[in-house]
Amino acid sequence: MAIRTSAAKLATAQVPLRGEITLDHVAYFVPHIDNAAPAFAKLGFTLTPFSAQSHRLEENGPLTPAGTGNCCVMLQRGYLECLTPTADTPVASQLRAAMQRYVGVHSIIFGTSAPERDHARLAQQGFAPLPTVALQRPVEAPQGEDTARFAVVRVPPGTMPEGRIQFCHHLTPQLVWQPRWIKHANRAIALTGVMLCVEHPAEVASRYARFTGLQAKGAGETWHLDLGRGRLLFASPAAIVRTFSTAPPALPWIAGCVLASDSLEATRKCIVASGFAHGALGAQRFYALPPPGIGGIIVFEPPKGPALDFGANAA
């Protein structure tokens, strides 16, 4: 009973209120899951088993393989998805094309409980959303194999130059967030931000404001947009180089994510032990530069305190 209660609370915590938009997860596009998964584990993350994805492109249409598969880093709030192509399908081709630019985060997924409202807003704002997709994948559940189901709202490829930016309504959150997957040696507990490196931060932030129906704030080289849970950070290439001493591999670049840790000392020990490049952001944050098989930047911060803002407290 205690396990079931814990699972129910964990799942309920992920579902946004109707009309609210949260930072649900980000997806890393990786060419070889057998390289990426051990690297995540070396950083101190626990990963779910690999799972093949299927989708239904129209209501009551046939269920077909998506040609992609994933494993995930589940957190108490949000998660990281590690996505790889597994066949020759249109979706898999999109992943391969994206990885020709760089390996790393190529997708930002907003959590929603009202995908029909998001679809209507996107249409009204001129984003020409595609029909809502029914996506599913098998998962290992305590009672045996089950099927996780999602309703996904996407826009045509290229509409958002930064990557695959979409909305997801979790229909079975209890299968996705299982208590056994959320404990990590590095003590990461939540996805709190995504960093986007773009040439014109103000313009891109304004577009995301229209995409989400929220307000962007900032000035000059650094802007941000606060969601119901989580934050998008928009920074110029110069701001990224100043902060991380890392040049973008391409523009635009979803540079990485921000994670909260309930023990930064434990996190630091894991990152140092990994042998991967890392650095400090003041006294309260530090970052890791995962190997090329993962790519990007991962920032770790305390669970409470001021949100990361390149213009205010990143230096």
Protein backbone atom coordinates (compact mmCIF):
# COMPACT_ATOMS: atom_id res chain seq x y z
CA MET A 1 0.00 0.00 0.00
CA ALA A 2 2.84 2.41 0.84
CA ILE A 3 4.41 1.83 -2.58
CA ARG A 4 1.12 2.47 -4.34
CA THR A 5 0.52 5.64 -2.32
CA SER A 6 4.04 6.90 -3.09
CA ALA A 7 3.58 6.20 -6.80
CA ALA A 8 0.22 7.96 -6.86
CA LYS A 9 1.63 11.07 -5.17
CA LEU A 10 4.61 11.13 -7.50
CA ALA A 11 2.39 10.86 -10.58
CA THR A 12 -0.10 13.44 -9.36
CA ALA A 13 2.71 15.94 -8.75
CA GLN A 14 3.59 15.89 -12.46
CA VAL A 15 0.18 16.77 -13.85
CA PRO A 16 -0.25 20.53 -14.32
CA LEU A 17 -3.45 22.29 -13.45
CA ARG A 18 -5.74 22.84 -16.40
CA GLY A 19 -4.50 25.90 -18.26
CA GLU A 20 -1.04 25.69 -16.63
CA ILE A 21 2.09 24.88 -18.64
CA THR A 22 5.11 23.23 -17.04
CA LEU A 23 8.56 22.14 -18.12
CA ASP A 24 7.84 18.43 -18.45
CA HIS A 25 11.05 17.09 -19.94
CA VAL A 26 13.82 17.58 -22.47
CA ALA A 27 14.97 15.04 -25.04
CA TYR A 28 18.58 14.34 -25.94
CA PHE A 29 18.99 13.03 -29.49
CA VAL A 30 21.85 10.52 -29.42
CA PRO A 31 23.23 8.30 -32.20
CA HIS A 32 24.15 5.36 -29.97
CA ILE A 33 22.17 4.56 -26.85
CA ASP A 34 24.87 2.08 -25.81
CA ASN A 35 27.30 5.01 -25.48
CA ALA A 36 24.92 7.60 -24.04
CA ALA A 37 23.33 5.47 -21.32
CA PRO A 38 26.63 4.49 -19.62
CA ALA A 39 27.75 8.13 -19.74
CA PHE A 40 24.57 9.25 -17.95
CA ALA A 41 25.13 6.48 -15.41
CA LYS A 42 28.71 7.66 -14.90
CA LEU A 43 27.31 11.11 -14.07
CA GLY A 44 25.34 9.48 -11.25
CA PHE A 45 21.95 9.07 -12.93
CA THR A 46 19.69 6.02 -12.76
CA LEU A 47 18.13 5.19 -16.13
CA THR A 48 14.97 3.35 -17.06
CA PRO A 49 15.20 0.33 -19.40
CA PHE A 50 15.26 0.98 -23.13
CA SER A 51 11.80 1.13 -24.73
CA ALA A 52 10.67 1.24 -28.37
CA GLN A 53 8.08 3.88 -29.30
CA SER A 54 4.92 3.61 -31.40
CA HIS A 55 2.46 6.25 -32.54
CA ARG A 56 -1.01 6.71 -33.97
CA LEU A 57 -0.93 9.69 -36.34
CA GLU A 58 -4.69 10.11 -36.57
CA GLU A 59 -7.60 9.30 -34.30
CA ASN A 60 -8.55 5.63 -34.60
CA GLY A 61 -5.72 5.15 -37.11
CA PRO A 62 -3.32 2.22 -37.04
CA LEU A 63 -0.59 2.01 -34.44
CA THR A 64 2.80 1.97 -36.17
CA PRO A 65 6.42 1.88 -34.97
CA ALA A 66 7.88 5.37 -34.67
CA GLY A 67 11.36 4.14 -35.52
CA THR A 68 12.71 5.57 -32.28
CA GLY A 69 13.36 4.32 -28.77
CA ASN A 70 14.33 5.82 -25.45
CA CYS A 71 15.53 5.44 -21.93
CA CYS A 72 14.90 8.14 -19.35
CA VAL A 73 16.28 9.81 -16.24
CA MET A 74 13.17 10.21 -14.10
CA LEU A 75 13.16 12.97 -11.50
CA GLN A 76 10.76 13.93 -8.74
CA ARG A 77 9.66 16.72 -11.07
CA GLY A 78 10.20 16.32 -14.78
CA TYR A 79 12.72 14.08 -16.53
CA LEU A 80 15.43 13.75 -19.17
CA GLU A 81 14.75 11.58 -22.20
CA CYS A 82 17.53 9.91 -24.18
CA LEU A 83 16.11 9.33 -27.67
CA THR A 84 17.71 7.42 -30.53
CA PRO A 85 16.66 6.34 -34.04
CA THR A 86 16.07 2.62 -34.50
CA ALA A 87 14.71 2.34 -38.08
CA ASP A 88 14.15 4.26 -41.31
CA THR A 89 11.00 6.27 -40.59
CA PRO A 90 10.16 9.97 -41.00
CA VAL A 91 10.56 10.57 -37.26
CA ALA A 92 13.90 8.75 -37.17
CA SER A 93 15.06 10.78 -40.16
CA GLN A 94 14.27 13.98 -38.25
CA LEU A 95 16.49 12.80 -35.40
CA ARG A 96 19.36 11.96 -37.74
CA ALA A 97 19.09 15.33 -39.50
CA ALA A 98 19.14 17.14 -36.15
CA MET A 99 22.21 15.22 -35.00
CA GLN A 100 24.11 16.33 -38.08
CA ARG A 101 24.06 19.78 -36.46
CA TYR A 102 25.02 18.53 -32.98
CA VAL A 103 24.37 15.72 -30.51
CA GLY A 104 22.47 16.84 -27.43
CA VAL A 105 19.15 18.36 -26.44
CA HIS A 106 16.95 18.89 -29.49
CA SER A 107 13.50 18.82 -27.93
CA ILE A 108 11.72 20.77 -25.20
CA ILE A 109 8.43 19.29 -24.05
CA PHE A 110 5.90 21.34 -22.13
CA GLY A 111 3.52 19.58 -19.78
CA THR A 112 -0.17 20.29 -20.23
CA SER A 113 -3.56 18.99 -19.13
CA ALA A 114 -5.40 20.78 -21.93
CA PRO A 115 -3.76 19.90 -25.25
CA GLU A 116 -6.81 21.09 -27.17
CA ARG A 117 -6.33 24.59 -25.75
CA ASP A 118 -2.65 24.56 -26.66
CA HIS A 119 -3.51 23.40 -30.17
CA ALA A 120 -6.05 26.23 -30.55
CA ARG A 121 -3.61 28.85 -29.25
CA LEU A 122 -0.85 27.67 -31.58
CA ALA A 123 -3.24 27.86 -34.53
CA GLN A 124 -4.37 31.35 -33.53
CA GLN A 125 -0.75 32.50 -33.23
CA GLY A 126 0.13 31.22 -36.69
CA PHE A 127 2.19 28.15 -35.72
CA ALA A 128 0.03 25.79 -37.85
CA PRO A 129 0.00 22.87 -35.36
CA LEU A 130 -0.21 19.34 -36.69
CA PRO A 131 -3.04 17.00 -35.65
CA THR A 132 -2.59 15.78 -32.09
CA VAL A 133 -0.56 12.55 -32.04
CA ALA A 134 -1.31 9.55 -29.82
CA LEU A 135 2.09 8.25 -28.72
CA GLN A 136 2.78 5.17 -26.63
CA ARG A 137 5.60 2.91 -25.50
CA PRO A 138 5.87 -0.23 -23.38
CA VAL A 139 7.13 0.17 -19.81
CA GLU A 140 8.12 -2.22 -17.09
CA ALA A 141 5.64 -1.85 -14.24
CA PRO A 142 5.66 -3.62 -10.85
CA GLN A 143 2.73 -5.77 -11.98
CA GLY A 144 4.32 -6.60 -15.36
CA GLU A 145 4.69 -4.89 -18.73
CA ASP A 146 2.22 -2.08 -19.36
CA THR A 147 1.78 0.73 -21.89
CA ALA A 148 2.49 4.40 -21.23
CA ARG A 149 0.29 6.69 -23.31
CA PHE A 150 0.62 10.36 -24.26
CA ALA A 151 -1.21 12.98 -26.34
CA VAL A 152 1.34 15.16 -28.13
CA VAL A 153 0.84 18.51 -29.87
CA ARG A 154 3.53 19.32 -32.43
CA VAL A 155 4.18 21.97 -35.06
CA PRO A 156 5.69 21.34 -38.52
CA PRO A 157 9.46 20.70 -38.59
CA GLY A 158 11.38 23.96 -38.85
CA THR A 159 8.58 26.08 -37.36
CA MET A 160 10.65 26.39 -34.20
CA PRO A 161 14.26 26.52 -35.47
CA GLU A 162 15.67 25.55 -32.07
CA GLY A 163 14.31 22.01 -32.28
CA ARG A 164 11.26 19.87 -31.69
CA ILE A 165 9.23 22.03 -29.33
CA GLN A 166 5.95 20.43 -28.30
CA PHE A 167 3.27 19.87 -25.67
CA CYS A 168 2.60 16.56 -23.93
CA HIS A 169 -0.41 15.40 -21.96
CA HIS A 170 0.52 12.38 -19.85
CA LEU A 171 -2.40 9.96 -19.83
CA THR A 172 -0.61 7.40 -17.63
CA PRO A 173 1.82 9.37 -15.43
CA GLN A 174 1.87 6.59 -12.83
CA LEU A 175 3.63 4.35 -15.35
CA VAL A 176 6.20 6.96 -16.33
CA TRP A 177 7.10 8.18 -12.83
CA GLN A 178 7.78 5.06 -10.81
CA PRO A 179 9.43 5.51 -7.39
CA ARG A 180 12.12 2.94 -8.17
CA TRP A 181 13.53 5.11 -10.99
CA ILE A 182 13.79 8.50 -9.28
CA LYS A 183 16.67 7.92 -6.85
CA HIS A 184 20.04 9.03 -8.25
CA ALA A 185 23.53 8.80 -6.83
CA ASN A 186 24.09 12.45 -7.80
CA ARG A 187 20.96 13.47 -5.83
CA ALA A 188 19.26 15.24 -8.75
CA ILE A 189 15.57 15.77 -7.97
CA ALA A 190 14.04 18.14 -10.51
CA LEU A 191 14.31 19.65 -13.98
CA THR A 192 14.23 23.39 -13.31
CA GLY A 193 15.41 24.98 -16.55
CA VAL A 194 16.47 24.74 -20.18
CA MET A 195 19.15 26.94 -21.74
CA LEU A 196 18.84 28.11 -25.33
CA CYS A 197 21.76 29.77 -27.11
CA VAL A 198 20.47 32.00 -29.91
CA GLU A 199 21.67 34.97 -31.94
CA HIS A 200 18.77 37.23 -31.01
CA PRO A 201 17.52 36.34 -27.50
CA ALA A 202 14.80 39.00 -27.36
CA GLU A 203 13.20 37.88 -30.62
CA VAL A 204 13.34 34.19 -29.74
CA ALA A 205 11.97 34.80 -26.24
CA SER A 206 9.09 36.75 -27.77
CA ARG A 207 8.29 33.84 -30.09
CA TYR A 208 8.25 31.39 -27.17
CA ALA A 209 5.98 33.78 -25.29
CA ARG A 210 3.47 33.52 -28.15
CA PHE A 211 4.00 29.74 -28.30
CA THR A 212 3.21 29.28 -24.61
CA GLY A 213 0.89 32.20 -23.96
CA LEU A 214 3.24 33.45 -21.22
CA GLN A 215 5.36 36.55 -20.78
CA ALA A 216 9.09 36.78 -21.46
CA LYS A 217 11.32 39.08 -19.43
CA GLY A 218 14.87 40.28 -19.76
CA ALA A 219 17.13 42.69 -21.58
CA GLY A 220 20.03 42.63 -24.00
CA GLU A 221 21.79 39.26 -24.23
CA THR A 222 19.76 37.36 -21.61
CA TRP A 223 16.02 36.71 -21.39
CA HIS A 224 13.87 34.20 -19.55
CA LEU A 225 10.35 32.84 -19.53
CA ASP A 226 8.89 31.36 -16.33
CA LEU A 227 6.48 28.44 -16.65
CA GLY A 228 4.13 27.03 -14.04
CA ARG A 229 7.12 24.89 -13.15
CA GLY A 230 10.54 25.52 -14.66
CA ARG A 231 12.20 28.27 -16.68
CA LEU A 232 13.46 28.81 -20.22
CA LEU A 233 16.69 30.81 -20.45
CA PHE A 234 17.65 32.56 -23.70
CA ALA A 235 21.24 33.72 -24.03
CA SER A 236 23.51 35.01 -26.76
CA PRO A 237 26.55 32.98 -27.83
CA ALA A 238 28.77 35.56 -26.09
CA ALA A 239 26.89 35.09 -22.80
CA ILE A 240 27.23 31.31 -23.06
CA VAL A 241 30.97 31.53 -23.75
CA ARG A 242 31.48 33.93 -20.83
CA THR A 243 29.57 31.66 -18.47
CA PHE A 244 30.76 28.19 -19.50
CA SER A 245 33.89 28.83 -21.62
CA THR A 246 32.17 26.65 -24.22
CA ALA A 247 31.46 27.70 -27.79
CA PRO A 248 28.15 26.61 -29.35
CA PRO A 249 28.55 23.79 -31.91
CA ALA A 250 25.81 25.39 -34.03
CA LEU A 251 23.16 28.09 -33.82
CA PRO A 252 20.52 27.92 -32.61
CA TRP A 253 21.60 25.51 -29.88
CA ILE A 254 19.59 24.09 -27.00
CA ALA A 255 22.64 24.24 -24.79
CA GLY A 256 21.41 22.00 -22.00
CA CYS A 257 19.37 21.81 -18.83
CA VAL A 258 19.32 22.98 -15.23
CA LEU A 259 18.67 20.43 -12.48
CA ALA A 260 17.99 20.88 -8.78
CA SER A 261 19.92 18.69 -6.34
CA ASP A 262 19.08 18.03 -2.70
CA SER A 263 22.79 17.59 -1.93
CA LEU A 264 25.16 19.62 -4.06
CA GLU A 265 28.13 18.06 -2.28
CA ALA A 266 26.99 14.57 -3.34
CA THR A 267 26.38 15.88 -6.84
CA ARG A 268 29.83 17.46 -6.99
CA LYS A 269 31.49 14.21 -5.91
CA CYS A 270 29.68 12.29 -8.66
CA ILE A 271 30.63 14.80 -11.33
CA VAL A 272 34.28 14.92 -10.24
CA ALA A 273 34.44 11.11 -10.11
CA SER A 274 33.01 10.89 -13.63
CA GLY A 275 36.15 12.51 -15.00
CA PHE A 276 34.07 14.73 -17.30
CA ALA A 277 34.84 18.44 -17.62
CA HIS A 278 33.09 20.63 -15.07
CA GLY A 279 33.19 24.07 -13.50
CA ALA A 280 31.63 26.34 -10.88
CA LEU A 281 29.00 29.06 -11.27
CA GLY A 282 29.57 31.16 -8.19
CA ALA A 283 29.18 29.47 -4.80
CA GLN A 284 25.77 27.90 -5.33
CA ARG A 285 25.96 26.19 -8.71
CA PHE A 286 28.27 24.13 -10.83
CA TYR A 287 28.05 22.50 -14.21
CA ALA A 288 29.18 19.40 -16.07
CA LEU A 289 30.11 19.05 -19.72
CA PRO A 290 29.06 15.50 -20.67
CA PRO A 291 31.01 13.63 -23.36
CA PRO A 292 30.20 13.96 -27.08
CA GLY A 293 27.84 10.96 -26.94
CA ILE A 294 25.47 13.10 -24.83
CA GLY A 295 26.56 16.67 -25.54
CA GLY A 296 25.58 20.00 -24.06
CA ILE A 297 25.79 21.40 -20.53
CA ILE A 298 24.11 20.28 -17.30
CA VAL A 299 23.87 22.86 -14.51
CA PHE A 300 23.16 21.75 -10.94
CA GLU A 301 21.66 24.13 -8.39
CA PRO A 302 20.01 24.10 -4.94
CA PRO A 303 16.29 23.22 -4.79
CA LYS A 304 15.49 26.64 -3.34
CA GLY A 305 16.80 30.11 -4.00
CA PRO A 306 16.95 32.50 -6.96
CA ALA A 307 16.48 30.89 -10.35
CA LEU A 308 19.46 30.79 -12.68
CA ASP A 309 19.68 34.02 -14.67
CA PHE A 310 22.76 34.63 -16.81
CA GLY A 311 22.31 38.36 -16.42
CA ALA A 312 22.13 38.28 -12.61
CA ASN A 313 23.61 35.32 -10.81
CA ALA A 314 25.40 32.96 -13.18
CA ALA A 315 28.81 34.52 -12.88
